[in-house]
Amino acid sequence: MTMVDIDFTPAPAAPIDMLEHVFDSNGWAFERSGDEEITTSIKAGWATYELRALWREEERVLQIIARADLTAPEDRRLAVYETLGLINEQLWMGHFELWSADGTVLFRHATLLDNDEDEDAPDLTIGQAEVLVEAAVDEFERFYPVFQLVMFADRSPQDAIAAALLETVGEA
C-alpha cells in the first residue's frame, strides 16, 4: 500500500462569504442569494439600515448599498439634490444618491477587488469587509439628520449641514 500526498488548499473565500461572516459575527440576520448578493438590516442610532452587497465576478467589483426609510417629498427633491452635492464633496469613499423613481435616499460605494498577484489570497479580507460595512452605516448615520432637516423641517442644505454637523468642544 502506498500513500499518496494530496495537496489540499482551500479556495479563497468569495467577498459575499466574508460579508456573511461579518454579518453573522455581529448577530445580524441576513439573506443570501448565491455568491452574488447578501442583504442584512443594521439598527443604528438614527435608523435601521438595509445593507445590500452585490458581487460582480466578471468586473471584480463589490458594491455596497445602504438605505433607510428615508424618502424625499416631491416638493423637497431639488433641495435634497443640492444637499447631496454638498455632502458628496466631503466624502472619501462612496456617495449619496436620490432615486428619481421614488425619492429614496441611499448611500452607495463600489470596490474593485483584484488579487492577480496572489491567487490564494481572498478577494476581500475580514478587515476590509468590516470597514466597508462600517463606512456605509457611519456615513449614513453622520448625514441622516441633515436629510431630515432638509426634507421635513424646510431647512436650507447649508443650514442643515451646519446644524447637524455642529461638533461640541470641551465639557459642560
N, C-alpha and C. Protein backbone atom coordinates (compact mmCIF):
# COMPACT_ATOMS: atom_id res chain seq x y z
N MET A 1 0.85 -1.16 0.00
CA MET A 1 0.00 0.00 0.00
C MET A 1 0.90 1.23 0.00
N THR A 2 0.59 2.16 -0.86
CA THR A 2 1.37 3.39 -0.90
C THR A 2 0.48 4.56 -0.51
N MET A 3 1.11 5.52 0.09
CA MET A 3 0.42 6.75 0.49
C MET A 3 0.57 7.77 -0.63
N VAL A 4 -0.47 8.42 -0.94
CA VAL A 4 -0.43 9.46 -1.96
C VAL A 4 -0.60 10.80 -1.25
N ASP A 5 0.34 11.68 -1.51
CA ASP A 5 0.23 13.02 -0.95
C ASP A 5 -0.79 13.81 -1.75
N ILE A 6 -1.72 14.33 -1.06
CA ILE A 6 -2.72 15.18 -1.70
C ILE A 6 -2.54 16.58 -1.16
N ASP A 7 -2.30 17.47 -2.08
CA ASP A 7 -2.14 18.87 -1.69
C ASP A 7 -3.51 19.52 -1.72
N PHE A 8 -4.05 19.78 -0.53
CA PHE A 8 -5.36 20.40 -0.45
C PHE A 8 -5.20 21.80 0.09
N THR A 9 -5.51 22.76 -0.75
CA THR A 9 -5.51 24.16 -0.34
C THR A 9 -6.92 24.67 -0.55
N PRO A 10 -7.58 25.10 0.53
CA PRO A 10 -8.95 25.57 0.35
C PRO A 10 -8.99 26.79 -0.57
N ALA A 11 -10.05 26.89 -1.32
CA ALA A 11 -10.21 28.04 -2.22
C ALA A 11 -10.42 29.29 -1.38
N PRO A 12 -9.91 30.41 -1.88
CA PRO A 12 -10.13 31.65 -1.15
C PRO A 12 -11.63 31.96 -1.08
N ALA A 13 -12.02 32.58 0.02
CA ALA A 13 -13.43 32.89 0.21
C ALA A 13 -13.86 34.03 -0.72
N ALA A 14 -15.05 33.90 -1.24
CA ALA A 14 -15.62 34.95 -2.09
C ALA A 14 -16.00 36.14 -1.20
N PRO A 15 -16.08 37.34 -1.78
CA PRO A 15 -16.43 38.52 -0.99
C PRO A 15 -17.75 38.38 -0.22
N ILE A 16 -18.73 37.75 -0.83
CA ILE A 16 -20.02 37.59 -0.15
C ILE A 16 -19.86 36.67 1.07
N ASP A 17 -18.96 35.68 0.98
CA ASP A 17 -18.68 34.81 2.13
C ASP A 17 -18.10 35.63 3.29
N MET A 18 -17.21 36.54 2.97
CA MET A 18 -16.60 37.38 4.01
C MET A 18 -17.64 38.28 4.65
N LEU A 19 -18.51 38.86 3.84
CA LEU A 19 -19.57 39.70 4.40
C LEU A 19 -20.53 38.87 5.26
N GLU A 20 -20.82 37.66 4.82
CA GLU A 20 -21.67 36.78 5.63
C GLU A 20 -21.03 36.55 6.99
N HIS A 21 -19.73 36.34 7.02
CA HIS A 21 -19.02 36.14 8.29
C HIS A 21 -19.15 37.38 9.17
N VAL A 22 -18.99 38.56 8.59
CA VAL A 22 -19.11 39.81 9.35
C VAL A 22 -20.53 39.96 9.89
N PHE A 23 -21.53 39.73 9.05
CA PHE A 23 -22.92 39.85 9.49
C PHE A 23 -23.22 38.86 10.60
N ASP A 24 -22.79 37.62 10.42
CA ASP A 24 -23.04 36.57 11.40
C ASP A 24 -22.35 36.87 12.73
N SER A 25 -21.10 37.32 12.67
CA SER A 25 -20.36 37.61 13.91
C SER A 25 -20.94 38.80 14.67
N ASN A 26 -21.70 39.67 13.98
CA ASN A 26 -22.36 40.79 14.64
C ASN A 26 -23.80 40.46 15.05
N GLY A 27 -24.25 39.24 14.75
CA GLY A 27 -25.59 38.82 15.12
C GLY A 27 -26.68 39.41 14.25
N TRP A 28 -26.34 39.85 13.05
CA TRP A 28 -27.32 40.42 12.12
C TRP A 28 -27.89 39.31 11.25
N ALA A 29 -29.20 39.18 11.25
CA ALA A 29 -29.84 38.23 10.35
C ALA A 29 -29.58 38.67 8.92
N PHE A 30 -29.39 37.72 8.04
CA PHE A 30 -29.10 38.07 6.65
C PHE A 30 -29.79 37.11 5.72
N GLU A 31 -29.93 37.57 4.49
CA GLU A 31 -30.47 36.73 3.43
C GLU A 31 -29.46 36.74 2.29
N ARG A 32 -29.18 35.56 1.81
CA ARG A 32 -28.16 35.42 0.78
C ARG A 32 -28.76 34.88 -0.50
N SER A 33 -28.33 35.46 -1.63
CA SER A 33 -28.75 34.98 -2.95
C SER A 33 -27.51 34.50 -3.68
N GLY A 34 -27.14 33.27 -3.45
CA GLY A 34 -25.96 32.68 -4.09
C GLY A 34 -24.68 33.38 -3.70
N ASP A 35 -23.74 33.39 -4.62
CA ASP A 35 -22.43 34.02 -4.37
C ASP A 35 -22.41 35.47 -4.81
N GLU A 36 -23.55 36.00 -5.25
CA GLU A 36 -23.57 37.34 -5.83
C GLU A 36 -24.22 38.40 -4.96
N GLU A 37 -25.01 38.01 -3.96
CA GLU A 37 -25.77 39.02 -3.22
C GLU A 37 -26.04 38.58 -1.79
N ILE A 38 -25.98 39.56 -0.88
CA ILE A 38 -26.34 39.33 0.51
C ILE A 38 -26.96 40.61 1.05
N THR A 39 -27.97 40.45 1.92
CA THR A 39 -28.70 41.58 2.48
C THR A 39 -28.85 41.38 3.98
N THR A 40 -28.74 42.48 4.72
CA THR A 40 -28.98 42.45 6.16
C THR A 40 -29.60 43.76 6.59
N SER A 41 -30.09 43.82 7.82
CA SER A 41 -30.58 45.05 8.43
C SER A 41 -29.71 45.35 9.63
N ILE A 42 -29.33 46.61 9.75
CA ILE A 42 -28.46 47.04 10.84
C ILE A 42 -29.13 48.19 11.57
N LYS A 43 -29.45 47.99 12.85
CA LYS A 43 -30.05 49.04 13.66
C LYS A 43 -28.93 49.92 14.20
N ALA A 44 -29.04 51.21 13.93
CA ALA A 44 -28.04 52.17 14.40
C ALA A 44 -28.77 53.27 15.18
N GLY A 45 -28.09 54.36 15.42
CA GLY A 45 -28.65 55.42 16.23
C GLY A 45 -29.84 56.14 15.64
N TRP A 46 -29.78 56.49 14.36
CA TRP A 46 -30.84 57.26 13.72
C TRP A 46 -31.88 56.39 13.01
N ALA A 47 -31.49 55.24 12.54
CA ALA A 47 -32.40 54.44 11.72
C ALA A 47 -31.94 52.99 11.69
N THR A 48 -32.77 52.15 11.12
CA THR A 48 -32.39 50.80 10.77
C THR A 48 -32.09 50.82 9.28
N TYR A 49 -30.90 50.39 8.92
CA TYR A 49 -30.44 50.46 7.54
C TYR A 49 -30.50 49.08 6.90
N GLU A 50 -31.00 49.05 5.69
CA GLU A 50 -30.91 47.84 4.89
C GLU A 50 -29.58 47.94 4.15
N LEU A 51 -28.75 46.95 4.34
CA LEU A 51 -27.45 46.91 3.68
C LEU A 51 -27.45 45.77 2.68
N ARG A 52 -27.15 46.08 1.43
CA ARG A 52 -27.13 45.08 0.37
C ARG A 52 -25.76 45.11 -0.28
N ALA A 53 -25.18 43.95 -0.46
CA ALA A 53 -23.90 43.83 -1.17
C ALA A 53 -24.11 43.00 -2.42
N LEU A 54 -23.55 43.49 -3.51
CA LEU A 54 -23.65 42.81 -4.80
C LEU A 54 -22.25 42.58 -5.33
N TRP A 55 -21.95 41.34 -5.69
CA TRP A 55 -20.63 40.97 -6.21
C TRP A 55 -20.76 40.66 -7.69
N ARG A 56 -19.96 41.32 -8.48
CA ARG A 56 -19.91 41.09 -9.92
C ARG A 56 -18.55 40.49 -10.26
N GLU A 57 -18.53 39.16 -10.38
CA GLU A 57 -17.29 38.41 -10.61
C GLU A 57 -16.57 38.88 -11.88
N GLU A 58 -17.31 39.07 -12.96
CA GLU A 58 -16.69 39.43 -14.23
C GLU A 58 -15.91 40.75 -14.13
N GLU A 59 -16.50 41.71 -13.46
CA GLU A 59 -15.85 43.02 -13.32
C GLU A 59 -14.97 43.10 -12.08
N ARG A 60 -15.12 42.11 -11.19
CA ARG A 60 -14.37 42.06 -9.92
C ARG A 60 -14.73 43.26 -9.04
N VAL A 61 -16.01 43.60 -9.03
CA VAL A 61 -16.48 44.76 -8.28
C VAL A 61 -17.48 44.33 -7.22
N LEU A 62 -17.28 44.83 -6.01
CA LEU A 62 -18.21 44.63 -4.91
C LEU A 62 -18.89 45.96 -4.63
N GLN A 63 -20.21 45.97 -4.72
CA GLN A 63 -20.96 47.19 -4.48
C GLN A 63 -21.75 47.04 -3.18
N ILE A 64 -21.67 48.07 -2.36
CA ILE A 64 -22.41 48.12 -1.09
C ILE A 64 -23.43 49.24 -1.19
N ILE A 65 -24.68 48.92 -0.87
CA ILE A 65 -25.75 49.90 -0.89
C ILE A 65 -26.42 49.90 0.48
N ALA A 66 -26.53 51.09 1.08
CA ALA A 66 -27.23 51.24 2.35
C ALA A 66 -28.41 52.17 2.13
N ARG A 67 -29.55 51.77 2.69
CA ARG A 67 -30.70 52.65 2.59
C ARG A 67 -31.50 52.57 3.87
N ALA A 68 -32.16 53.67 4.17
CA ALA A 68 -33.02 53.74 5.34
C ALA A 68 -34.43 54.06 4.85
N ASP A 69 -35.36 54.12 5.76
CA ASP A 69 -36.72 54.51 5.41
C ASP A 69 -36.74 56.03 5.33
N LEU A 70 -36.14 56.55 4.27
CA LEU A 70 -35.96 57.99 4.11
C LEU A 70 -36.28 58.35 2.66
N THR A 71 -37.47 58.91 2.46
CA THR A 71 -37.92 59.25 1.12
C THR A 71 -38.22 60.74 1.05
N ALA A 72 -37.62 61.39 0.07
CA ALA A 72 -37.79 62.84 -0.09
C ALA A 72 -39.17 63.15 -0.66
N PRO A 73 -39.90 64.07 -0.02
CA PRO A 73 -41.17 64.51 -0.60
C PRO A 73 -40.89 65.20 -1.94
N GLU A 74 -41.84 65.07 -2.83
CA GLU A 74 -41.68 65.62 -4.19
C GLU A 74 -41.26 67.09 -4.16
N ASP A 75 -41.87 67.88 -3.30
CA ASP A 75 -41.59 69.32 -3.27
C ASP A 75 -40.25 69.68 -2.64
N ARG A 76 -39.53 68.71 -2.09
CA ARG A 76 -38.22 68.99 -1.45
C ARG A 76 -37.06 68.34 -2.21
N ARG A 77 -37.33 67.71 -3.34
CA ARG A 77 -36.29 66.96 -4.05
C ARG A 77 -35.18 67.85 -4.60
N LEU A 78 -35.51 69.03 -5.08
CA LEU A 78 -34.44 69.93 -5.55
C LEU A 78 -33.49 70.28 -4.41
N ALA A 79 -34.04 70.56 -3.24
CA ALA A 79 -33.20 70.87 -2.08
C ALA A 79 -32.37 69.65 -1.68
N VAL A 80 -32.95 68.47 -1.81
CA VAL A 80 -32.21 67.24 -1.48
C VAL A 80 -31.07 67.03 -2.46
N TYR A 81 -31.31 67.29 -3.75
CA TYR A 81 -30.23 67.17 -4.74
C TYR A 81 -29.07 68.12 -4.40
N GLU A 82 -29.40 69.33 -4.00
CA GLU A 82 -28.35 70.28 -3.60
C GLU A 82 -27.61 69.76 -2.36
N THR A 83 -28.36 69.20 -1.43
CA THR A 83 -27.77 68.63 -0.22
C THR A 83 -26.81 67.50 -0.57
N LEU A 84 -27.24 66.63 -1.49
CA LEU A 84 -26.38 65.53 -1.93
C LEU A 84 -25.05 66.05 -2.46
N GLY A 85 -25.11 67.09 -3.28
CA GLY A 85 -23.88 67.65 -3.84
C GLY A 85 -22.95 68.16 -2.76
N LEU A 86 -23.50 68.86 -1.78
CA LEU A 86 -22.67 69.40 -0.69
C LEU A 86 -22.09 68.28 0.18
N ILE A 87 -22.89 67.27 0.44
CA ILE A 87 -22.41 66.14 1.26
C ILE A 87 -21.36 65.34 0.50
N ASN A 88 -21.63 65.02 -0.75
CA ASN A 88 -20.71 64.18 -1.52
C ASN A 88 -19.34 64.81 -1.68
N GLU A 89 -19.25 66.14 -1.65
CA GLU A 89 -17.95 66.82 -1.70
C GLU A 89 -17.08 66.45 -0.51
N GLN A 90 -17.69 66.06 0.59
CA GLN A 90 -16.97 65.78 1.83
C GLN A 90 -16.57 64.32 2.00
N LEU A 91 -17.05 63.45 1.13
CA LEU A 91 -16.84 62.01 1.31
C LEU A 91 -15.58 61.52 0.59
N TRP A 92 -14.87 60.63 1.25
CA TRP A 92 -13.69 59.99 0.65
C TRP A 92 -14.08 58.70 -0.04
N MET A 93 -15.06 58.04 0.52
CA MET A 93 -15.48 56.74 -0.01
C MET A 93 -16.99 56.76 -0.18
N GLY A 94 -17.46 56.43 -1.37
CA GLY A 94 -18.88 56.33 -1.61
C GLY A 94 -19.55 57.66 -1.88
N HIS A 95 -20.86 57.58 -2.07
CA HIS A 95 -21.65 58.78 -2.35
C HIS A 95 -23.11 58.51 -2.03
N PHE A 96 -23.84 59.59 -1.80
CA PHE A 96 -25.28 59.51 -1.61
C PHE A 96 -25.97 59.76 -2.93
N GLU A 97 -27.14 59.14 -3.09
CA GLU A 97 -27.95 59.29 -4.28
C GLU A 97 -29.41 59.46 -3.87
N LEU A 98 -30.16 60.05 -4.79
CA LEU A 98 -31.60 60.14 -4.64
C LEU A 98 -32.20 59.41 -5.84
N TRP A 99 -32.91 58.32 -5.58
CA TRP A 99 -33.51 57.57 -6.67
C TRP A 99 -34.67 58.37 -7.22
N SER A 100 -34.61 58.67 -8.50
CA SER A 100 -35.62 59.52 -9.12
C SER A 100 -36.99 58.85 -9.14
N ALA A 101 -37.05 57.56 -9.21
CA ALA A 101 -38.33 56.85 -9.31
C ALA A 101 -39.21 57.05 -8.08
N ASP A 102 -38.60 56.99 -6.88
CA ASP A 102 -39.43 57.08 -5.68
C ASP A 102 -38.88 58.03 -4.61
N GLY A 103 -37.77 58.70 -4.87
CA GLY A 103 -37.24 59.67 -3.92
C GLY A 103 -36.48 59.08 -2.75
N THR A 104 -36.11 57.82 -2.83
CA THR A 104 -35.36 57.17 -1.76
C THR A 104 -33.92 57.66 -1.75
N VAL A 105 -33.44 57.98 -0.56
CA VAL A 105 -32.04 58.37 -0.37
C VAL A 105 -31.27 57.11 -0.03
N LEU A 106 -30.12 56.92 -0.68
CA LEU A 106 -29.27 55.78 -0.36
C LEU A 106 -27.80 56.17 -0.44
N PHE A 107 -27.00 55.36 0.20
CA PHE A 107 -25.55 55.52 0.17
C PHE A 107 -25.00 54.33 -0.60
N ARG A 108 -24.04 54.60 -1.49
CA ARG A 108 -23.51 53.51 -2.30
C ARG A 108 -22.02 53.71 -2.52
N HIS A 109 -21.30 52.60 -2.49
CA HIS A 109 -19.91 52.62 -2.92
C HIS A 109 -19.54 51.28 -3.53
N ALA A 110 -18.58 51.34 -4.43
CA ALA A 110 -18.12 50.13 -5.11
C ALA A 110 -16.62 50.00 -4.88
N THR A 111 -16.18 48.77 -4.77
CA THR A 111 -14.78 48.48 -4.54
C THR A 111 -14.29 47.49 -5.58
N LEU A 112 -13.22 47.83 -6.25
CA LEU A 112 -12.60 46.93 -7.21
C LEU A 112 -11.70 45.98 -6.44
N LEU A 113 -11.92 44.68 -6.59
CA LEU A 113 -11.13 43.67 -5.89
C LEU A 113 -10.36 42.86 -6.92
N ASP A 114 -9.06 43.03 -6.90
CA ASP A 114 -8.22 42.35 -7.87
C ASP A 114 -6.98 41.83 -7.16
N ASN A 115 -6.85 40.53 -7.10
CA ASN A 115 -5.70 39.93 -6.42
C ASN A 115 -4.86 39.10 -7.38
N ASP A 116 -4.58 39.66 -8.54
CA ASP A 116 -3.81 38.94 -9.56
C ASP A 116 -2.47 38.43 -9.06
N GLU A 117 -1.88 39.12 -8.12
CA GLU A 117 -0.53 38.77 -7.67
C GLU A 117 -0.51 37.51 -6.81
N ASP A 118 -1.59 37.24 -6.10
CA ASP A 118 -1.63 36.08 -5.22
C ASP A 118 -2.99 35.40 -5.36
N GLU A 119 -3.04 34.36 -6.17
CA GLU A 119 -4.32 33.69 -6.44
C GLU A 119 -4.90 33.00 -5.21
N ASP A 120 -4.07 32.71 -4.20
CA ASP A 120 -4.57 32.07 -3.00
C ASP A 120 -5.11 33.06 -1.98
N ALA A 121 -4.88 34.35 -2.21
CA ALA A 121 -5.36 35.36 -1.29
C ALA A 121 -6.85 35.57 -1.49
N PRO A 122 -7.57 35.87 -0.41
CA PRO A 122 -9.01 36.13 -0.59
C PRO A 122 -9.21 37.44 -1.35
N ASP A 123 -10.32 37.51 -2.04
CA ASP A 123 -10.65 38.74 -2.75
C ASP A 123 -10.87 39.89 -1.77
N LEU A 124 -11.43 39.56 -0.62
CA LEU A 124 -11.78 40.54 0.39
C LEU A 124 -11.44 39.95 1.74
N THR A 125 -10.69 40.67 2.55
CA THR A 125 -10.37 40.18 3.89
C THR A 125 -11.50 40.53 4.84
N ILE A 126 -11.50 39.89 5.99
CA ILE A 126 -12.49 40.20 7.03
C ILE A 126 -12.38 41.66 7.43
N GLY A 127 -11.16 42.14 7.60
CA GLY A 127 -10.95 43.53 7.97
C GLY A 127 -11.50 44.50 6.94
N GLN A 128 -11.27 44.21 5.67
CA GLN A 128 -11.82 45.07 4.61
C GLN A 128 -13.34 45.02 4.61
N ALA A 129 -13.90 43.84 4.80
CA ALA A 129 -15.36 43.71 4.82
C ALA A 129 -15.95 44.54 5.96
N GLU A 130 -15.32 44.48 7.13
CA GLU A 130 -15.79 45.27 8.27
C GLU A 130 -15.73 46.77 7.97
N VAL A 131 -14.65 47.22 7.34
CA VAL A 131 -14.51 48.64 7.01
C VAL A 131 -15.58 49.08 6.02
N LEU A 132 -15.86 48.27 5.01
CA LEU A 132 -16.88 48.63 4.02
C LEU A 132 -18.26 48.76 4.65
N VAL A 133 -18.59 47.83 5.54
CA VAL A 133 -19.88 47.87 6.21
C VAL A 133 -19.95 49.09 7.14
N GLU A 134 -18.90 49.28 7.94
CA GLU A 134 -18.87 50.42 8.86
C GLU A 134 -18.94 51.75 8.12
N ALA A 135 -18.23 51.86 7.01
CA ALA A 135 -18.24 53.12 6.25
C ALA A 135 -19.65 53.46 5.78
N ALA A 136 -20.35 52.48 5.26
CA ALA A 136 -21.71 52.73 4.76
C ALA A 136 -22.64 53.20 5.88
N VAL A 137 -22.62 52.48 6.99
CA VAL A 137 -23.51 52.83 8.11
C VAL A 137 -23.06 54.14 8.76
N ASP A 138 -21.77 54.31 8.99
CA ASP A 138 -21.27 55.52 9.64
C ASP A 138 -21.57 56.78 8.83
N GLU A 139 -21.40 56.73 7.52
CA GLU A 139 -21.68 57.90 6.70
C GLU A 139 -23.17 58.22 6.71
N PHE A 140 -24.01 57.19 6.65
CA PHE A 140 -25.45 57.44 6.69
C PHE A 140 -25.85 58.02 8.05
N GLU A 141 -25.29 57.48 9.11
CA GLU A 141 -25.58 57.99 10.44
C GLU A 141 -25.14 59.45 10.58
N ARG A 142 -24.00 59.77 10.03
CA ARG A 142 -23.45 61.12 10.11
C ARG A 142 -24.36 62.14 9.41
N PHE A 143 -24.92 61.77 8.27
CA PHE A 143 -25.69 62.72 7.49
C PHE A 143 -27.21 62.54 7.56
N TYR A 144 -27.69 61.53 8.24
CA TYR A 144 -29.13 61.31 8.37
C TYR A 144 -29.85 62.55 8.90
N PRO A 145 -29.34 63.20 9.96
CA PRO A 145 -30.03 64.40 10.47
C PRO A 145 -30.07 65.53 9.43
N VAL A 146 -29.07 65.62 8.58
CA VAL A 146 -29.06 66.64 7.54
C VAL A 146 -30.25 66.42 6.60
N PHE A 147 -30.43 65.19 6.16
CA PHE A 147 -31.55 64.88 5.27
C PHE A 147 -32.89 65.16 5.96
N GLN A 148 -33.00 64.81 7.23
CA GLN A 148 -34.23 65.06 7.98
C GLN A 148 -34.55 66.56 8.01
N LEU A 149 -33.54 67.37 8.30
CA LEU A 149 -33.75 68.82 8.38
C LEU A 149 -34.16 69.41 7.03
N VAL A 150 -33.54 68.95 5.97
CA VAL A 150 -33.87 69.47 4.63
C VAL A 150 -35.25 69.00 4.19
N MET A 151 -35.56 67.73 4.40
CA MET A 151 -36.81 67.17 3.91
C MET A 151 -38.04 67.58 4.71
N PHE A 152 -37.89 67.62 6.03
CA PHE A 152 -39.07 67.75 6.87
C PHE A 152 -39.11 69.00 7.74
N ALA A 153 -38.01 69.75 7.80
CA ALA A 153 -38.00 70.99 8.58
C ALA A 153 -37.77 72.21 7.68
N ASP A 154 -37.80 71.98 6.36
CA ASP A 154 -37.62 73.05 5.37
C ASP A 154 -36.37 73.89 5.60
N ARG A 155 -35.32 73.27 6.10
CA ARG A 155 -34.05 73.98 6.27
C ARG A 155 -33.31 73.97 4.94
N SER A 156 -32.50 74.98 4.72
CA SER A 156 -31.66 75.00 3.52
C SER A 156 -30.57 73.96 3.68
N PRO A 157 -30.04 73.44 2.59
CA PRO A 157 -28.96 72.45 2.71
C PRO A 157 -27.77 72.97 3.53
N GLN A 158 -27.38 74.21 3.31
CA GLN A 158 -26.25 74.77 4.05
C GLN A 158 -26.54 74.85 5.55
N ASP A 159 -27.74 75.33 5.90
CA ASP A 159 -28.12 75.43 7.32
C ASP A 159 -28.22 74.05 7.96
N ALA A 160 -28.78 73.11 7.23
CA ALA A 160 -28.94 71.75 7.77
C ALA A 160 -27.59 71.11 8.04
N ILE A 161 -26.66 71.29 7.12
CA ILE A 161 -25.32 70.72 7.32
C ILE A 161 -24.64 71.38 8.51
N ALA A 162 -24.73 72.69 8.59
CA ALA A 162 -24.12 73.41 9.71
C ALA A 162 -24.72 72.98 11.05
N ALA A 163 -26.05 72.85 11.11
CA ALA A 163 -26.72 72.48 12.35
C ALA A 163 -26.45 71.03 12.74
N ALA A 164 -26.53 70.15 11.78
CA ALA A 164 -26.40 68.72 12.08
C ALA A 164 -24.97 68.30 12.36
N LEU A 165 -24.02 68.97 11.76
CA LEU A 165 -22.63 68.56 11.93
C LEU A 165 -21.88 69.42 12.93
N LEU A 166 -22.61 70.23 13.69
CA LEU A 166 -22.00 71.06 14.72
C LEU A 166 -21.33 70.15 15.74
N GLU A 167 -20.05 70.30 15.90
CA GLU A 167 -19.32 69.48 16.86
C GLU A 167 -19.09 70.27 18.13
N THR A 168 -19.38 69.64 19.26
CA THR A 168 -19.14 70.32 20.52
C THR A 168 -17.71 70.08 20.95
N VAL A 169 -17.17 71.09 21.61
CA VAL A 169 -15.79 71.02 22.08
C VAL A 169 -15.81 71.23 23.58
N GLY A 170 -15.08 70.40 24.30
CA GLY A 170 -15.00 70.56 25.75
C GLY A 170 -16.14 69.88 26.45
N GLU A 171 -16.28 70.19 27.75
CA GLU A 171 -17.33 69.60 28.56
C GLU A 171 -18.17 70.67 29.19
N ALA A 172 -19.43 70.34 29.42
CA ALA A 172 -20.33 71.30 30.07
C ALA A 172 -20.26 71.14 31.56
